[in-house]
Amino acid sequence: MTTMRAIVLTGPGPAGNLRVQVRPVPEPPPGWVRIRVHAFGLNRSELHLRLGFAENARFPIVPGIEATGVVDLDPDGVLPPGRQVAAMMGGMGRAFDGGYAEYVVVPRAQVIPFRSALPREVLGAVPETLQTAYGSLTTGLDLRAGQTLLIRGGTSALGYAAAALAKDRGATVLATTRQPARLAELAEHGVDHPILDDGAVAARVREIVPDGVHAALELVGTPTLPDTLAATRVHGTVCFAGMLADEWIVKDFYPIAYLPTGVRLTSYSGDATDLPAEVLQRTLDRLADGSLSLGPITPYPLDRIAAAHHDIETGAVSGKVIGVIPDAG
C-alpha cells in the first residue's frame, strides 16, 4: 500500500470540514512506529479542534488523539509487525497527523501493546477513555472502597467508564444526565443513584447523602462546577476532568467565595504513560469475559465521521463513538 484514506480537517468550522482524502502512507522516522488502524475513538478534544477552540492547532490536519490496530512498521525493530497496540496523546491530531486514518505514525513512547480477540470497535473504545477514567479516580480523587462518588455528565463515554471502575472499587455511584430517557441507561449500567440534571444537583445529592459525597468527577465544565462543589462534603474532593459544555474558564476566580469551606478541587489530564499496560490488559480481559462493561458504543465507518461529529455535538448519542476501518478487500 502506497496510499491510504484519511479524514482531513481543512480548518475550523462545521462538521463538513472533515473530508475523506487519499494521501500517501506516512513513513515512520527512527523512534516512531507506523500502525495499521483498525479503530479510533472520537473525543471531545477533536470537537474542540474542529470548533476552533484548540490552541496551537495547524490546518489541514488529520485529527484523532487515539487509535488501536496493529504495528505495520517499526524501523528500529522493537515492535514486530502484527503486534496489537493502542496509541494515544503525545501530540496526535495536533502536533502531527492523528488516528482518523487507515495508517498513523506515532512516537513509540505513546504506544501500548496488548493482546485481545475483542471486536475492533470494542478495542477502539477503550484506550483514552480508560486512561482518563482510571487516572481521574486514582490520581485525581484517590477514590476508596465504601466512598460515594458523584459523576457530573454520566452518559458520556468517560462517565460510563468512571462509573464502572468506581463500582469495581467498591464505591457507591451517583451520576447525572440532562435527558430523562437516559436515567434508565445509567441504572442499567450499575449506577446506584441516577439523577436528572436540572442545574441544581447539589440539593438532590444531599437528599441521598446528607453530608455530601466523598468525591465528585466534573465532566460537564465550569458552568456546573459550583453546583458540583456544593454537593461535596467537607474534606471531599472534586476532580475537574471534562468539558462537555465547552466551557473551561472560571472568570474572576475568587477562591474564598468560589470554593466551599474545606472542599478540595483537583484536575486530571493524562497521557499514554499514565495508563499502565497491565491496567489496559486487565480491562480488556474483563471486557472479554463479561465481568466489566465501559458503556454503550456507537461505530461509524470512515466516510461517516462528519456525521459522527454532528451526532456528538448535538448529543444524539451516549457513550463512546468509534470510527471503524475494515481490512482492505
C-alpha atoms as a PDB file:
ATOM      1  CA  MET A   1       0.000   0.000   0.000  1.00  0.00           C
ATOM      2  CA  THR A   2       1.377   3.376  -1.004  1.00  0.00           C
ATOM      3  CA  THR A   3      -1.771   5.417  -0.407  1.00  0.00           C
ATOM      4  CA  MET A   4      -4.426   5.473   2.290  1.00  0.00           C
ATOM      5  CA  ARG A   5      -7.706   7.126   3.116  1.00  0.00           C
ATOM      6  CA  ALA A   6      -7.731   9.680   5.899  1.00  0.00           C
ATOM      7  CA  ILE A   7     -10.137  12.193   7.373  1.00  0.00           C
ATOM      8  CA  VAL A   8      -8.651  15.654   6.937  1.00  0.00           C
ATOM      9  CA  LEU A   9      -9.876  18.710   8.814  1.00  0.00           C
ATOM     10  CA  THR A  10      -9.361  21.604   6.424  1.00  0.00           C
ATOM     11  CA  GLY A  11      -9.996  24.299   9.030  1.00  0.00           C
ATOM     12  CA  PRO A  12     -12.220  25.250  11.980  1.00  0.00           C
ATOM     13  CA  GLY A  13     -15.919  25.173  11.263  1.00  0.00           C
ATOM     14  CA  PRO A  14     -18.838  22.796  10.668  1.00  0.00           C
ATOM     15  CA  ALA A  15     -18.647  19.020  10.523  1.00  0.00           C
ATOM     16  CA  GLY A  16     -18.500  19.268   6.732  1.00  0.00           C
ATOM     17  CA  ASN A  17     -14.905  20.487   7.083  1.00  0.00           C
ATOM     18  CA  LEU A  18     -13.987  16.864   7.862  1.00  0.00           C
ATOM     19  CA  ARG A  19     -13.339  15.285   4.467  1.00  0.00           C
ATOM     20  CA  VAL A  20     -12.076  11.933   3.258  1.00  0.00           C
ATOM     21  CA  GLN A  21      -8.866  12.329   1.261  1.00  0.00           C
ATOM     22  CA  VAL A  22      -6.389   9.945  -0.342  1.00  0.00           C
ATOM     23  CA  ARG A  23      -2.889  10.531   0.996  1.00  0.00           C
ATOM     24  CA  PRO A  24       0.492   8.794   0.880  1.00  0.00           C
ATOM     25  CA  VAL A  25       1.028   6.218   3.613  1.00  0.00           C
ATOM     26  CA  PRO A  26       3.316   8.004   6.114  1.00  0.00           C
ATOM     27  CA  GLU A  27       6.857   6.798   6.795  1.00  0.00           C
ATOM     28  CA  PRO A  28       7.981   6.474  10.438  1.00  0.00           C
ATOM     29  CA  PRO A  29      11.323   8.038  11.388  1.00  0.00           C
ATOM     30  CA  PRO A  30      13.555   6.364  13.998  1.00  0.00           C
ATOM     31  CA  GLY A  31      11.801   6.193  17.349  1.00  0.00           C
ATOM     32  CA  TRP A  32       8.368   6.191  15.713  1.00  0.00           C
ATOM     33  CA  VAL A  33       6.008   3.374  14.715  1.00  0.00           C
ATOM     34  CA  ARG A  34       3.510   3.020  11.866  1.00  0.00           C
ATOM     35  CA  ILE A  35       0.187   1.480  12.892  1.00  0.00           C
ATOM     36  CA  ARG A  36      -2.425  -0.036  10.618  1.00  0.00           C
ATOM     37  CA  VAL A  37      -5.501   1.470  12.245  1.00  0.00           C
ATOM     38  CA  HIS A  38      -8.463  -0.797  12.993  1.00  0.00           C
ATOM     39  CA  ALA A  39     -10.489   1.697  15.028  1.00  0.00           C
ATOM     40  CA  PHE A  40     -10.203   5.111  16.618  1.00  0.00           C
ATOM     41  CA  GLY A  41     -12.167   6.857  19.311  1.00  0.00           C
ATOM     42  CA  LEU A  42     -13.857  10.189  18.718  1.00  0.00           C
ATOM     43  CA  ASN A  43     -13.299  12.553  21.627  1.00  0.00           C
ATOM     44  CA  ARG A  44     -14.326  15.974  22.817  1.00  0.00           C
ATOM     45  CA  SER A  45     -10.762  17.056  22.066  1.00  0.00           C
ATOM     46  CA  GLU A  46     -11.369  16.661  18.331  1.00  0.00           C
ATOM     47  CA  LEU A  47     -14.660  18.525  18.585  1.00  0.00           C
ATOM     48  CA  HIS A  48     -12.800  21.402  20.250  1.00  0.00           C
ATOM     49  CA  LEU A  49     -10.239  21.282  17.447  1.00  0.00           C
ATOM     50  CA  ARG A  50     -12.941  21.449  14.779  1.00  0.00           C
ATOM     51  CA  LEU A  51     -14.780  24.281  16.522  1.00  0.00           C
ATOM     52  CA  GLY A  52     -11.600  26.361  16.692  1.00  0.00           C
ATOM     53  CA  PHE A  53     -11.037  26.134  20.458  1.00  0.00           C
ATOM     54  CA  ALA A  54      -7.695  24.321  20.284  1.00  0.00           C
ATOM     55  CA  GLU A  55      -4.530  26.324  20.860  1.00  0.00           C
ATOM     56  CA  ASN A  56      -1.536  25.908  18.539  1.00  0.00           C
ATOM     57  CA  ALA A  57      -3.609  23.944  16.008  1.00  0.00           C
ATOM     58  CA  ARG A  58      -2.422  23.685  12.425  1.00  0.00           C
ATOM     59  CA  PHE A  59      -4.512  23.016   9.338  1.00  0.00           C
ATOM     60  CA  PRO A  60      -5.009  20.909   7.362  1.00  0.00           C
ATOM     61  CA  ILE A  61      -4.637  18.103   9.898  1.00  0.00           C
ATOM     62  CA  VAL A  62      -5.748  14.520  10.339  1.00  0.00           C
ATOM     63  CA  PRO A  63      -7.477  14.664  13.770  1.00  0.00           C
ATOM     64  CA  GLY A  64      -7.571  11.917  16.358  1.00  0.00           C
ATOM     65  CA  ILE A  65      -5.860  11.641  19.736  1.00  0.00           C
ATOM     66  CA  GLU A  66      -6.100   7.831  19.884  1.00  0.00           C
ATOM     67  CA  ALA A  67      -6.141   4.707  17.734  1.00  0.00           C
ATOM     68  CA  THR A  68      -5.949   0.935  18.035  1.00  0.00           C
ATOM     69  CA  GLY A  69      -4.668  -1.536  15.475  1.00  0.00           C
ATOM     70  CA  VAL A  70      -1.517  -3.481  14.653  1.00  0.00           C
ATOM     71  CA  VAL A  71       2.086  -2.484  14.092  1.00  0.00           C
ATOM     72  CA  ASP A  72       2.764  -2.125  10.372  1.00  0.00           C
ATOM     73  CA  LEU A  73       6.370  -0.933  10.589  1.00  0.00           C
ATOM     74  CA  ASP A  74       8.829  -0.201  13.373  1.00  0.00           C
ATOM     75  CA  PRO A  75      12.088   0.941  11.720  1.00  0.00           C
ATOM     76  CA  ASP A  76      14.005   0.148  14.911  1.00  0.00           C
ATOM     77  CA  GLY A  77      12.635  -3.395  15.122  1.00  0.00           C
ATOM     78  CA  VAL A  78      11.387  -3.028  18.698  1.00  0.00           C
ATOM     79  CA  LEU A  79       7.746  -3.909  17.976  1.00  0.00           C
ATOM     80  CA  PRO A  80       7.124  -6.732  15.489  1.00  0.00           C
ATOM     81  CA  PRO A  81       4.678  -6.352  12.597  1.00  0.00           C
ATOM     82  CA  GLY A  82       1.184  -7.501  13.525  1.00  0.00           C
ATOM     83  CA  ARG A  83       1.561  -6.703  17.238  1.00  0.00           C
ATOM     84  CA  GLN A  84      -1.696  -5.337  18.620  1.00  0.00           C
ATOM     85  CA  VAL A  85      -1.235  -1.842  20.018  1.00  0.00           C
ATOM     86  CA  ALA A  86      -3.058   1.216  21.259  1.00  0.00           C
ATOM     87  CA  ALA A  87      -1.687   4.716  20.772  1.00  0.00           C
ATOM     88  CA  MET A  88      -2.863   7.963  22.296  1.00  0.00           C
ATOM     89  CA  MET A  89      -1.989  11.568  23.027  1.00  0.00           C
ATOM     90  CA  GLY A  90       1.588  12.828  22.767  1.00  0.00           C
ATOM     91  CA  GLY A  91       0.670  15.325  20.047  1.00  0.00           C
ATOM     92  CA  MET A  92      -1.568  13.031  17.987  1.00  0.00           C
ATOM     93  CA  GLY A  93      -4.004  15.041  15.892  1.00  0.00           C
ATOM     94  CA  ARG A  94      -2.472  18.349  16.936  1.00  0.00           C
ATOM     95  CA  ALA A  95       1.308  18.476  16.506  1.00  0.00           C
ATOM     96  CA  PHE A  96       1.179  15.725  13.858  1.00  0.00           C
ATOM     97  CA  ASP A  97      -1.487  13.751  11.991  1.00  0.00           C
ATOM     98  CA  GLY A  98      -3.649  11.587  14.233  1.00  0.00           C
ATOM     99  CA  GLY A  99      -5.788   8.485  14.253  1.00  0.00           C
ATOM    100  CA  TYR A 100      -8.620   9.319  11.804  1.00  0.00           C
ATOM    101  CA  ALA A 101      -6.866   7.366   9.045  1.00  0.00           C
ATOM    102  CA  GLU A 102      -6.039   3.916   7.744  1.00  0.00           C
ATOM    103  CA  TYR A 103      -2.441   4.370   8.940  1.00  0.00           C
ATOM    104  CA  VAL A 104      -0.935   6.589  11.623  1.00  0.00           C
ATOM    105  CA  VAL A 105       2.677   7.243  12.617  1.00  0.00           C
ATOM    106  CA  VAL A 106       3.321   7.936  16.307  1.00  0.00           C
ATOM    107  CA  PRO A 107       6.235   8.077  18.762  1.00  0.00           C
ATOM    108  CA  ARG A 108       6.890   4.642  20.231  1.00  0.00           C
ATOM    109  CA  ALA A 109       6.572   6.131  23.727  1.00  0.00           C
ATOM    110  CA  GLN A 110       2.858   6.683  23.031  1.00  0.00           C
ATOM    111  CA  VAL A 111       2.259   3.024  22.100  1.00  0.00           C
ATOM    112  CA  ILE A 112       0.877   0.377  24.489  1.00  0.00           C
ATOM    113  CA  PRO A 113       0.966  -3.273  23.323  1.00  0.00           C
ATOM    114  CA  PHE A 114      -1.864  -5.631  24.267  1.00  0.00           C
ATOM    115  CA  ARG A 115      -3.427  -8.954  23.232  1.00  0.00           C
ATOM    116  CA  SER A 116      -7.166  -9.399  22.712  1.00  0.00           C
ATOM    117  CA  ALA A 117      -9.697 -11.086  20.441  1.00  0.00           C
ATOM    118  CA  LEU A 118     -12.365  -8.461  21.134  1.00  0.00           C
ATOM    119  CA  PRO A 119     -14.020  -6.838  18.094  1.00  0.00           C
ATOM    120  CA  ARG A 120     -12.149  -3.833  16.767  1.00  0.00           C
ATOM    121  CA  GLU A 121     -14.942  -1.407  17.684  1.00  0.00           C
ATOM    122  CA  VAL A 122     -14.702  -2.531  21.327  1.00  0.00           C
ATOM    123  CA  LEU A 123     -10.920  -2.243  21.361  1.00  0.00           C
ATOM    124  CA  GLY A 124     -11.161   1.220  19.800  1.00  0.00           C
ATOM    125  CA  ALA A 125     -13.451   2.397  22.580  1.00  0.00           C
ATOM    126  CA  VAL A 126     -11.052   1.660  25.422  1.00  0.00           C
ATOM    127  CA  PRO A 127      -7.652   3.453  25.441  1.00  0.00           C
ATOM    128  CA  GLU A 128      -8.219   7.172  26.030  1.00  0.00           C
ATOM    129  CA  THR A 129     -11.473   6.709  27.932  1.00  0.00           C
ATOM    130  CA  LEU A 130      -9.866   4.162  30.248  1.00  0.00           C
ATOM    131  CA  GLN A 131      -6.760   6.291  30.698  1.00  0.00           C
ATOM    132  CA  THR A 132      -8.790   9.316  31.779  1.00  0.00           C
ATOM    133  CA  ALA A 133     -11.266   7.409  33.942  1.00  0.00           C
ATOM    134  CA  TYR A 134      -8.548   5.409  35.689  1.00  0.00           C
ATOM    135  CA  GLY A 135      -6.367   8.466  36.255  1.00  0.00           C
ATOM    136  CA  SER A 136      -9.246  10.612  37.478  1.00  0.00           C
ATOM    137  CA  LEU A 137     -10.343   8.058  40.071  1.00  0.00           C
ATOM    138  CA  THR A 138      -6.826   7.262  41.274  1.00  0.00           C
ATOM    139  CA  THR A 139      -4.625  10.336  40.868  1.00  0.00           C
ATOM    140  CA  GLY A 140      -7.420  12.905  40.762  1.00  0.00           C
ATOM    141  CA  LEU A 141      -9.698  11.599  43.524  1.00  0.00           C
ATOM    142  CA  ASP A 142      -7.885   8.767  45.364  1.00  0.00           C
ATOM    143  CA  LEU A 143     -11.275   7.021  45.480  1.00  0.00           C
ATOM    144  CA  ARG A 144     -11.616   4.297  48.128  1.00  0.00           C
ATOM    145  CA  ALA A 145     -13.995   1.424  48.755  1.00  0.00           C
ATOM    146  CA  GLY A 146     -17.058   2.493  50.727  1.00  0.00           C
ATOM    147  CA  GLN A 147     -16.965   6.092  49.495  1.00  0.00           C
ATOM    148  CA  THR A 148     -19.627   7.922  47.497  1.00  0.00           C
ATOM    149  CA  LEU A 149     -18.880   9.345  44.047  1.00  0.00           C
ATOM    150  CA  LEU A 150     -20.894  11.860  42.013  1.00  0.00           C
ATOM    151  CA  ILE A 151     -20.277  11.834  38.250  1.00  0.00           C
ATOM    152  CA  ARG A 152     -21.468  15.009  36.557  1.00  0.00           C
ATOM    153  CA  GLY A 153     -22.044  14.003  32.915  1.00  0.00           C
ATOM    154  CA  GLY A 154     -22.774  10.337  33.487  1.00  0.00           C
ATOM    155  CA  THR A 155     -23.865   9.309  29.983  1.00  0.00           C
ATOM    156  CA  SER A 156     -20.641  10.449  28.334  1.00  0.00           C
ATOM    157  CA  ALA A 157     -18.135   7.739  27.448  1.00  0.00           C
ATOM    158  CA  LEU A 158     -15.945   8.884  30.317  1.00  0.00           C
ATOM    159  CA  GLY A 159     -18.926   8.968  32.675  1.00  0.00           C
ATOM    160  CA  TYR A 160     -19.875   5.367  31.939  1.00  0.00           C
ATOM    161  CA  ALA A 161     -16.272   4.187  32.264  1.00  0.00           C
ATOM    162  CA  ALA A 162     -15.729   6.043  35.533  1.00  0.00           C
ATOM    163  CA  ALA A 163     -18.939   4.586  36.961  1.00  0.00           C
ATOM    164  CA  ALA A 164     -17.871   1.058  36.067  1.00  0.00           C
ATOM    165  CA  LEU A 165     -14.391   1.459  37.546  1.00  0.00           C
ATOM    166  CA  ALA A 166     -15.740   3.160  40.662  1.00  0.00           C
ATOM    167  CA  LYS A 167     -18.260   0.385  41.275  1.00  0.00           C
ATOM    168  CA  ASP A 168     -15.455  -2.099  40.801  1.00  0.00           C
ATOM    169  CA  ARG A 169     -13.518  -0.303  43.547  1.00  0.00           C
ATOM    170  CA  GLY A 170     -16.478  -0.646  45.935  1.00  0.00           C
ATOM    171  CA  ALA A 171     -17.849   2.904  45.719  1.00  0.00           C
ATOM    172  CA  THR A 172     -21.485   3.996  45.670  1.00  0.00           C
ATOM    173  CA  VAL A 173     -22.085   5.931  42.457  1.00  0.00           C
ATOM    174  CA  LEU A 174     -24.404   8.835  41.756  1.00  0.00           C
ATOM    175  CA  ALA A 175     -24.438  10.069  38.140  1.00  0.00           C
ATOM    176  CA  THR A 176     -26.301  12.754  36.254  1.00  0.00           C
ATOM    177  CA  THR A 177     -27.919  13.162  32.857  1.00  0.00           C
ATOM    178  CA  ARG A 178     -29.881  16.055  31.373  1.00  0.00           C
ATOM    179  CA  GLN A 179     -32.138  13.685  29.437  1.00  0.00           C
ATOM    180  CA  PRO A 180     -34.888  11.859  31.396  1.00  0.00           C
ATOM    181  CA  ALA A 181     -34.868   8.964  28.921  1.00  0.00           C
ATOM    182  CA  ARG A 182     -31.243   8.202  29.837  1.00  0.00           C
ATOM    183  CA  LEU A 183     -31.841   7.742  33.562  1.00  0.00           C
ATOM    184  CA  ALA A 184     -32.701   4.102  32.866  1.00  0.00           C
ATOM    185  CA  GLU A 185     -29.456   3.692  30.899  1.00  0.00           C
ATOM    186  CA  LEU A 186     -27.471   4.814  33.925  1.00  0.00           C
ATOM    187  CA  ALA A 187     -29.329   2.376  36.187  1.00  0.00           C
ATOM    188  CA  GLU A 188     -28.797  -0.474  33.724  1.00  0.00           C
ATOM    189  CA  HIS A 189     -25.086   0.326  33.756  1.00  0.00           C
ATOM    190  CA  GLY A 190     -24.952  -0.127  37.520  1.00  0.00           C
ATOM    191  CA  VAL A 191     -25.245   3.479  38.728  1.00  0.00           C
ATOM    192  CA  ASP A 192     -26.779   3.360  42.206  1.00  0.00           C
ATOM    193  CA  HIS A 193     -28.495   6.737  42.015  1.00  0.00           C
ATOM    194  CA  PRO A 194     -29.230   8.227  38.559  1.00  0.00           C
ATOM    195  CA  ILE A 195     -30.039  11.929  38.899  1.00  0.00           C
ATOM    196  CA  LEU A 196     -31.765  14.220  36.404  1.00  0.00           C
ATOM    197  CA  ASP A 197     -29.579  17.294  35.975  1.00  0.00           C
ATOM    198  CA  ASP A 198     -31.704  20.442  36.011  1.00  0.00           C
ATOM    199  CA  GLY A 199     -28.781  22.630  37.067  1.00  0.00           C
ATOM    200  CA  ALA A 200     -29.435  22.165  40.802  1.00  0.00           C
ATOM    201  CA  VAL A 201     -27.990  18.738  41.500  1.00  0.00           C
ATOM    202  CA  ALA A 202     -26.483  19.510  44.919  1.00  0.00           C
ATOM    203  CA  ALA A 203     -29.864  19.534  46.658  1.00  0.00           C
ATOM    204  CA  ARG A 204     -30.786  16.149  45.172  1.00  0.00           C
ATOM    205  CA  VAL A 205     -27.404  14.692  46.122  1.00  0.00           C
ATOM    206  CA  ARG A 206     -27.814  15.814  49.718  1.00  0.00           C
ATOM    207  CA  GLU A 207     -31.239  14.174  49.873  1.00  0.00           C
ATOM    208  CA  ILE A 208     -29.406  10.910  49.192  1.00  0.00           C
ATOM    209  CA  VAL A 209     -26.140  11.680  51.014  1.00  0.00           C
ATOM    210  CA  PRO A 210     -26.943  14.393  53.592  1.00  0.00           C
ATOM    211  CA  ASP A 211     -23.314  15.259  54.336  1.00  0.00           C
ATOM    212  CA  GLY A 212     -22.406  15.377  50.648  1.00  0.00           C
ATOM    213  CA  VAL A 213     -20.401  12.932  48.550  1.00  0.00           C
ATOM    214  CA  HIS A 214     -16.819  11.993  49.319  1.00  0.00           C
ATOM    215  CA  ALA A 215     -15.751  12.581  45.713  1.00  0.00           C
ATOM    216  CA  ALA A 216     -17.106  14.146  42.547  1.00  0.00           C
ATOM    217  CA  LEU A 217     -15.954  13.900  38.941  1.00  0.00           C
ATOM    218  CA  GLU A 218     -16.791  17.045  36.962  1.00  0.00           C
ATOM    219  CA  LEU A 219     -17.130  16.209  33.268  1.00  0.00           C
ATOM    220  CA  VAL A 220     -19.507  18.958  32.142  1.00  0.00           C
ATOM    221  CA  GLY A 221     -17.328  22.008  32.732  1.00  0.00           C
ATOM    222  CA  THR A 222     -17.230  25.284  34.588  1.00  0.00           C
ATOM    223  CA  PRO A 223     -20.986  26.041  34.267  1.00  0.00           C
ATOM    224  CA  THR A 224     -21.844  23.174  36.617  1.00  0.00           C
ATOM    225  CA  LEU A 225     -18.697  23.198  38.760  1.00  0.00           C
ATOM    226  CA  PRO A 226     -20.097  25.409  41.589  1.00  0.00           C
ATOM    227  CA  ASP A 227     -23.107  23.109  41.982  1.00  0.00           C
ATOM    228  CA  THR A 228     -20.843  20.052  41.967  1.00  0.00           C
ATOM    229  CA  LEU A 229     -18.649  21.619  44.657  1.00  0.00           C
ATOM    230  CA  ALA A 230     -21.791  22.292  46.704  1.00  0.00           C
ATOM    231  CA  ALA A 231     -22.686  18.580  46.523  1.00  0.00           C
ATOM    232  CA  THR A 232     -19.359  17.575  48.083  1.00  0.00           C
ATOM    233  CA  ARG A 233     -18.697  17.161  51.800  1.00  0.00           C
ATOM    234  CA  VAL A 234     -16.056  18.870  53.908  1.00  0.00           C
ATOM    235  CA  HIS A 235     -12.692  17.228  53.142  1.00  0.00           C
ATOM    236  CA  GLY A 236     -14.222  15.776  49.979  1.00  0.00           C
ATOM    237  CA  THR A 237     -12.621  16.219  46.568  1.00  0.00           C
ATOM    238  CA  VAL A 238     -13.886  17.369  43.170  1.00  0.00           C
ATOM    239  CA  CYS A 239     -11.787  16.416  40.145  1.00  0.00           C
ATOM    240  CA  PHE A 240     -12.246  18.527  37.007  1.00  0.00           C
ATOM    241  CA  ALA A 241     -11.582  16.235  34.039  1.00  0.00           C
ATOM    242  CA  GLY A 242     -14.038  17.095  31.268  1.00  0.00           C
ATOM    243  CA  MET A 243     -15.622  19.933  29.337  1.00  0.00           C
ATOM    244  CA  LEU A 244     -18.822  18.620  27.736  1.00  0.00           C
ATOM    245  CA  ALA A 245     -20.238  22.153  27.893  1.00  0.00           C
ATOM    246  CA  ASP A 246     -17.194  23.509  26.002  1.00  0.00           C
ATOM    247  CA  GLU A 247     -16.563  25.984  28.826  1.00  0.00           C
ATOM    248  CA  TRP A 248     -13.468  25.574  30.992  1.00  0.00           C
ATOM    249  CA  ILE A 249     -12.539  29.049  32.256  1.00  0.00           C
ATOM    250  CA  VAL A 250     -13.721  30.367  35.632  1.00  0.00           C
ATOM    251  CA  LYS A 251     -13.875  34.131  35.177  1.00  0.00           C
ATOM    252  CA  ASP A 252     -12.882  36.425  38.054  1.00  0.00           C
ATOM    253  CA  PHE A 253     -11.990  33.438  40.214  1.00  0.00           C
ATOM    254  CA  TYR A 254     -12.003  34.365  43.917  1.00  0.00           C
ATOM    255  CA  PRO A 255     -11.168  31.137  45.793  1.00  0.00           C
ATOM    256  CA  ILE A 256     -12.637  32.035  49.196  1.00  0.00           C
ATOM    257  CA  ALA A 257     -16.018  32.878  47.683  1.00  0.00           C
ATOM    258  CA  TYR A 258     -15.961  30.188  44.974  1.00  0.00           C
ATOM    259  CA  LEU A 259     -14.810  27.116  46.911  1.00  0.00           C
ATOM    260  CA  PRO A 260     -16.962  25.769  49.755  1.00  0.00           C
ATOM    261  CA  THR A 261     -15.076  25.629  53.025  1.00  0.00           C
ATOM    262  CA  GLY A 262     -12.963  22.503  53.270  1.00  0.00           C
ATOM    263  CA  VAL A 263     -13.799  21.120  49.789  1.00  0.00           C
ATOM    264  CA  ARG A 264     -10.782  20.269  47.635  1.00  0.00           C
ATOM    265  CA  LEU A 265     -10.614  20.945  43.891  1.00  0.00           C
ATOM    266  CA  THR A 266      -8.184  18.993  41.686  1.00  0.00           C
ATOM    267  CA  SER A 267      -7.880  18.231  37.979  1.00  0.00           C
ATOM    268  CA  TYR A 268      -6.733  15.375  35.795  1.00  0.00           C
ATOM    269  CA  SER A 269      -5.237  15.241  32.320  1.00  0.00           C
ATOM    270  CA  GLY A 270      -3.078  12.279  31.413  1.00  0.00           C
ATOM    271  CA  ASP A 271      -1.062  10.674  28.639  1.00  0.00           C
ATOM    272  CA  ALA A 272      -0.297   7.182  27.352  1.00  0.00           C
ATOM    273  CA  THR A 273       2.394   6.825  30.004  1.00  0.00           C
ATOM    274  CA  ASP A 274      -0.286   7.328  32.682  1.00  0.00           C
ATOM    275  CA  LEU A 275      -2.131   4.149  31.654  1.00  0.00           C
ATOM    276  CA  PRO A 276      -0.166   1.107  32.886  1.00  0.00           C
ATOM    277  CA  ALA A 277      -0.070  -1.664  30.294  1.00  0.00           C
ATOM    278  CA  GLU A 278      -1.289  -4.151  32.889  1.00  0.00           C
ATOM    279  CA  VAL A 279      -4.368  -1.994  33.590  1.00  0.00           C
ATOM    280  CA  LEU A 280      -5.213  -1.894  29.878  1.00  0.00           C
ATOM    281  CA  GLN A 281      -4.705  -5.654  29.508  1.00  0.00           C
ATOM    282  CA  ARG A 282      -6.709  -6.490  32.634  1.00  0.00           C
ATOM    283  CA  THR A 283      -9.563  -4.253  31.468  1.00  0.00           C
ATOM    284  CA  LEU A 284      -9.638  -5.862  28.020  1.00  0.00           C
ATOM    285  CA  ASP A 285      -9.629  -9.335  29.598  1.00  0.00           C
ATOM    286  CA  ARG A 286     -12.586  -8.422  31.805  1.00  0.00           C
ATOM    287  CA  LEU A 287     -14.487  -6.900  28.901  1.00  0.00           C
ATOM    288  CA  ALA A 288     -13.923 -10.183  27.073  1.00  0.00           C
ATOM    289  CA  ASP A 289     -15.203 -12.365  29.925  1.00  0.00           C
ATOM    290  CA  GLY A 290     -18.193 -10.104  30.557  1.00  0.00           C
ATOM    291  CA  SER A 291     -17.266  -9.100  34.116  1.00  0.00           C
ATOM    292  CA  LEU A 292     -16.883  -5.415  33.141  1.00  0.00           C
ATOM    293  CA  SER A 293     -18.632  -3.017  30.768  1.00  0.00           C
ATOM    294  CA  LEU A 294     -17.500   0.506  29.924  1.00  0.00           C
ATOM    295  CA  GLY A 295     -20.840   1.538  28.420  1.00  0.00           C
ATOM    296  CA  PRO A 296     -22.506   1.767  25.007  1.00  0.00           C
ATOM    297  CA  ILE A 297     -20.517   2.029  21.778  1.00  0.00           C
ATOM    298  CA  THR A 298     -21.722   3.589  18.517  1.00  0.00           C
ATOM    299  CA  PRO A 299     -19.500   2.746  15.496  1.00  0.00           C
ATOM    300  CA  TYR A 300     -19.242   4.781  12.282  1.00  0.00           C
ATOM    301  CA  PRO A 301     -17.390   3.963   9.052  1.00  0.00           C
ATOM    302  CA  LEU A 302     -14.655   6.296   7.848  1.00  0.00           C
ATOM    303  CA  ASP A 303     -16.884   8.027   5.309  1.00  0.00           C
ATOM    304  CA  ARG A 304     -19.427   8.964   8.006  1.00  0.00           C
ATOM    305  CA  ILE A 305     -17.091  10.619  10.520  1.00  0.00           C
ATOM    306  CA  ALA A 306     -18.567  14.044   9.737  1.00  0.00           C
ATOM    307  CA  ALA A 307     -21.984  12.647  10.697  1.00  0.00           C
ATOM    308  CA  ALA A 308     -20.468  11.194  13.858  1.00  0.00           C
ATOM    309  CA  HIS A 309     -19.119  14.629  14.803  1.00  0.00           C
ATOM    310  CA  HIS A 310     -22.566  16.121  14.253  1.00  0.00           C
ATOM    311  CA  ASP A 311     -24.135  13.469  16.497  1.00  0.00           C
ATOM    312  CA  ILE A 312     -21.606  14.125  19.265  1.00  0.00           C
ATOM    313  CA  GLU A 313     -22.101  17.881  19.017  1.00  0.00           C
ATOM    314  CA  THR A 314     -25.907  17.603  19.227  1.00  0.00           C
ATOM    315  CA  GLY A 315     -25.942  14.951  21.958  1.00  0.00           C
ATOM    316  CA  ALA A 316     -27.678  12.424  19.733  1.00  0.00           C
ATOM    317  CA  VAL A 317     -25.595   9.523  21.082  1.00  0.00           C
ATOM    318  CA  SER A 318     -24.458   8.452  24.540  1.00  0.00           C
ATOM    319  CA  GLY A 319     -21.335   6.558  25.452  1.00  0.00           C
ATOM    320  CA  LYS A 320     -18.355   6.149  23.136  1.00  0.00           C
ATOM    321  CA  VAL A 321     -18.385   6.991  19.438  1.00  0.00           C
ATOM    322  CA  ILE A 322     -15.929   4.969  17.334  1.00  0.00           C
ATOM    323  CA  GLY A 323     -14.564   5.108  13.810  1.00  0.00           C
ATOM    324  CA  VAL A 324     -14.053   1.597  12.423  1.00  0.00           C
ATOM    325  CA  ILE A 325     -11.821   0.705   9.474  1.00  0.00           C
ATOM    326  CA  PRO A 326     -12.251  -2.780   7.974  1.00  0.00           C
ATOM    327  CA  ASP A 327      -9.394  -4.679   6.415  1.00  0.00           C
ATOM    328  CA  ALA A 328      -8.897  -3.912   2.727  1.00  0.00           C
ATOM    329  CA  GLY A 329     -10.815  -6.264   0.463  1.00  0.00           C
END
